[in-house]
Amino acid sequence: MTQKDLKKFALPDAPGVYLFKKGKGILYIGKATSLKDRVKSYFSIDLLATRGPRIVDAATKERMRQILKEIQTGKFTREWVKEYATGRKNYHRLLKAGENHPIEKVGTKLRALMPWMKKKNKSIKGVQAAFQA
């Protein structure tokens, strides 16, 4: 697929989660403040040719297949329902660990240098708040 091919899709300039598949296998799962910009960024020839194979190797693809299987069989849903019913302790622990990860400090500093990101960040915080409720 090329950037030109992407014009066929109505990708929103809004936050979301995306999944790249090849056949029945998952190549990548990610989230973005702008689906349109994020997906478009993956279709740079240089990025695909020089970095893609180093990022998504056979072991990564196998782990993604296992996660997809957990989603398709309902295992993930059962685990999440149980997690929710028991107070979401693990979820809150993981959320807190993510907030305290060093990459978040770097991200905060970088976003402060990009005033155009403030609108998009508000959208993401709203999505996060909805999941924390």
Protein backbone atom coordinates (compact mmCIF):
# COMPACT_ATOMS: atom_id res chain seq x y z
CA MET A 1 0.00 0.00 0.00
CA THR A 2 1.18 3.52 -0.73
CA GLN A 3 0.26 6.95 0.61
CA LYS A 4 -1.79 7.41 -2.57
CA ASP A 5 -3.78 4.24 -1.76
CA LEU A 6 -4.60 5.64 1.70
CA LYS A 7 -6.74 8.36 0.14
CA LYS A 8 -9.38 5.67 -0.55
CA PHE A 9 -9.96 5.29 3.18
CA ALA A 10 -11.80 7.85 5.29
CA LEU A 11 -9.31 7.89 8.13
CA PRO A 12 -10.35 10.39 10.82
CA ASP A 13 -8.10 13.11 12.15
CA ALA A 14 -9.08 11.94 15.63
CA PRO A 15 -7.75 9.65 18.38
CA GLY A 16 -8.09 5.92 17.96
CA VAL A 17 -6.61 2.44 17.90
CA TYR A 18 -5.42 0.82 14.71
CA LEU A 19 -4.36 -2.63 13.57
CA PHE A 20 -2.21 -3.62 10.61
CA LYS A 21 -2.79 -7.13 9.31
CA LYS A 22 -1.19 -9.29 6.67
CA GLY A 23 -3.39 -12.21 5.78
CA LYS A 24 -4.53 -13.67 9.09
CA GLY A 25 -1.52 -12.32 10.97
CA ILE A 26 -1.21 -9.08 12.87
CA LEU A 27 1.69 -6.86 11.92
CA TYR A 28 1.09 -4.10 14.43
CA ILE A 29 -1.42 -2.73 16.95
CA GLY A 30 -1.15 0.88 18.05
CA LYS A 31 -2.91 4.03 19.21
CA ALA A 32 -2.68 7.59 17.95
CA THR A 33 -3.95 11.10 18.56
CA SER A 34 -4.69 11.30 14.82
CA LEU A 35 -5.38 8.03 13.02
CA LYS A 36 -4.99 9.75 9.66
CA ASP A 37 -1.52 11.14 10.44
CA ARG A 38 -0.28 8.00 12.20
CA VAL A 39 -1.33 5.53 9.52
CA LYS A 40 0.00 7.83 6.79
CA SER A 41 3.38 7.97 8.54
CA TYR A 42 3.80 4.21 8.22
CA PHE A 43 3.73 4.33 4.45
CA SER A 44 6.96 6.21 3.90
CA ILE A 45 9.09 4.03 1.59
CA ASP A 46 12.20 4.65 3.66
CA LEU A 47 10.48 3.67 6.89
CA LEU A 48 8.98 0.48 5.49
CA ALA A 49 12.11 -0.62 3.69
CA THR A 50 14.70 0.16 6.33
CA ARG A 51 13.01 0.04 9.73
CA GLY A 52 9.93 -2.16 9.48
CA PRO A 53 11.72 -5.53 9.35
CA ARG A 54 13.89 -4.54 12.33
CA ILE A 55 10.87 -3.58 14.43
CA VAL A 56 8.42 -6.35 13.57
CA ASP A 57 10.31 -9.63 13.46
CA ALA A 58 9.05 -13.21 13.57
CA ALA A 59 8.90 -13.28 17.39
CA THR A 60 6.85 -10.07 17.47
CA LYS A 61 4.44 -11.46 14.88
CA GLU A 62 4.01 -14.65 16.91
CA ARG A 63 3.19 -12.69 20.08
CA MET A 64 0.67 -10.63 18.11
CA ARG A 65 -0.92 -13.82 16.75
CA GLN A 66 -1.30 -15.10 20.31
CA ILE A 67 -2.95 -11.86 21.41
CA LEU A 68 -5.29 -11.93 18.41
CA LYS A 69 -6.23 -15.49 19.33
CA GLU A 70 -7.00 -14.37 22.90
CA ILE A 71 -9.25 -11.64 21.50
CA GLN A 72 -10.98 -13.95 19.01
CA THR A 73 -11.62 -16.73 21.54
CA GLY A 74 -13.03 -14.35 24.14
CA LYS A 75 -10.21 -14.96 26.64
CA PHE A 76 -9.32 -11.27 26.71
CA THR A 77 -12.96 -10.28 27.26
CA ARG A 78 -13.36 -12.77 30.12
CA GLU A 79 -10.18 -11.47 31.76
CA TRP A 80 -11.31 -7.86 31.39
CA VAL A 81 -14.79 -8.55 32.80
CA LYS A 82 -13.19 -10.27 35.81
CA GLU A 83 -10.69 -7.40 36.20
CA TYR A 84 -13.52 -4.86 36.11
CA ALA A 85 -15.68 -6.82 38.53
CA THR A 86 -12.86 -7.08 41.08
CA GLY A 87 -12.05 -3.35 41.19
CA ARG A 88 -9.57 -3.06 38.30
CA LYS A 89 -6.51 -3.25 40.60
CA ASN A 90 -4.21 -4.58 37.86
CA TYR A 91 -5.56 -2.03 35.36
CA HIS A 92 -4.90 0.86 37.74
CA ARG A 93 -1.42 -0.49 38.54
CA LEU A 94 -0.58 -0.68 34.83
CA LEU A 95 -2.07 2.76 34.19
CA LYS A 96 0.03 4.25 36.99
CA ALA A 97 3.17 2.49 35.71
CA GLY A 98 2.50 3.90 32.26
CA GLU A 99 2.06 7.41 33.62
CA ASN A 100 5.36 7.12 35.49
CA HIS A 101 7.31 5.67 32.57
CA PRO A 102 10.27 7.86 31.52
CA ILE A 103 8.90 8.16 27.97
CA GLU A 104 5.92 10.09 29.39
CA LYS A 105 8.27 12.72 30.84
CA VAL A 106 9.95 13.08 27.46
CA GLY A 107 6.55 13.22 25.75
CA THR A 108 5.35 15.97 28.08
CA LYS A 109 8.43 18.07 27.32
CA LEU A 110 8.10 17.49 23.57
CA ARG A 111 4.37 18.31 23.51
CA ALA A 112 5.11 21.58 25.34
CA LEU A 113 7.25 22.52 22.33
CA MET A 114 4.38 21.77 19.93
CA PRO A 115 1.45 24.12 20.59
CA TRP A 116 -0.55 22.56 17.75
CA MET A 117 -0.69 19.31 19.77
CA LYS A 118 -2.69 20.84 22.64
CA LYS A 119 -6.04 20.29 20.90
CA LYS A 120 -5.21 16.67 20.09
CA ASN A 121 -3.94 15.99 23.64
CA LYS A 122 -7.26 17.16 25.09
CA SER A 123 -9.01 14.57 22.95
CA ILE A 124 -6.75 11.77 24.16
CA LYS A 125 -7.19 12.82 27.80
CA GLY A 126 -10.96 12.69 27.28
CA VAL A 127 -10.68 9.15 25.93
CA GLN A 128 -8.45 8.13 28.83
CA ALA A 129 -10.85 9.70 31.33
CA ALA A 130 -13.72 7.69 29.86
CA PHE A 131 -11.81 4.46 30.45
CA GLN A 132 -10.80 5.45 33.97
CA ALA A 133 -14.37 6.12 35.09
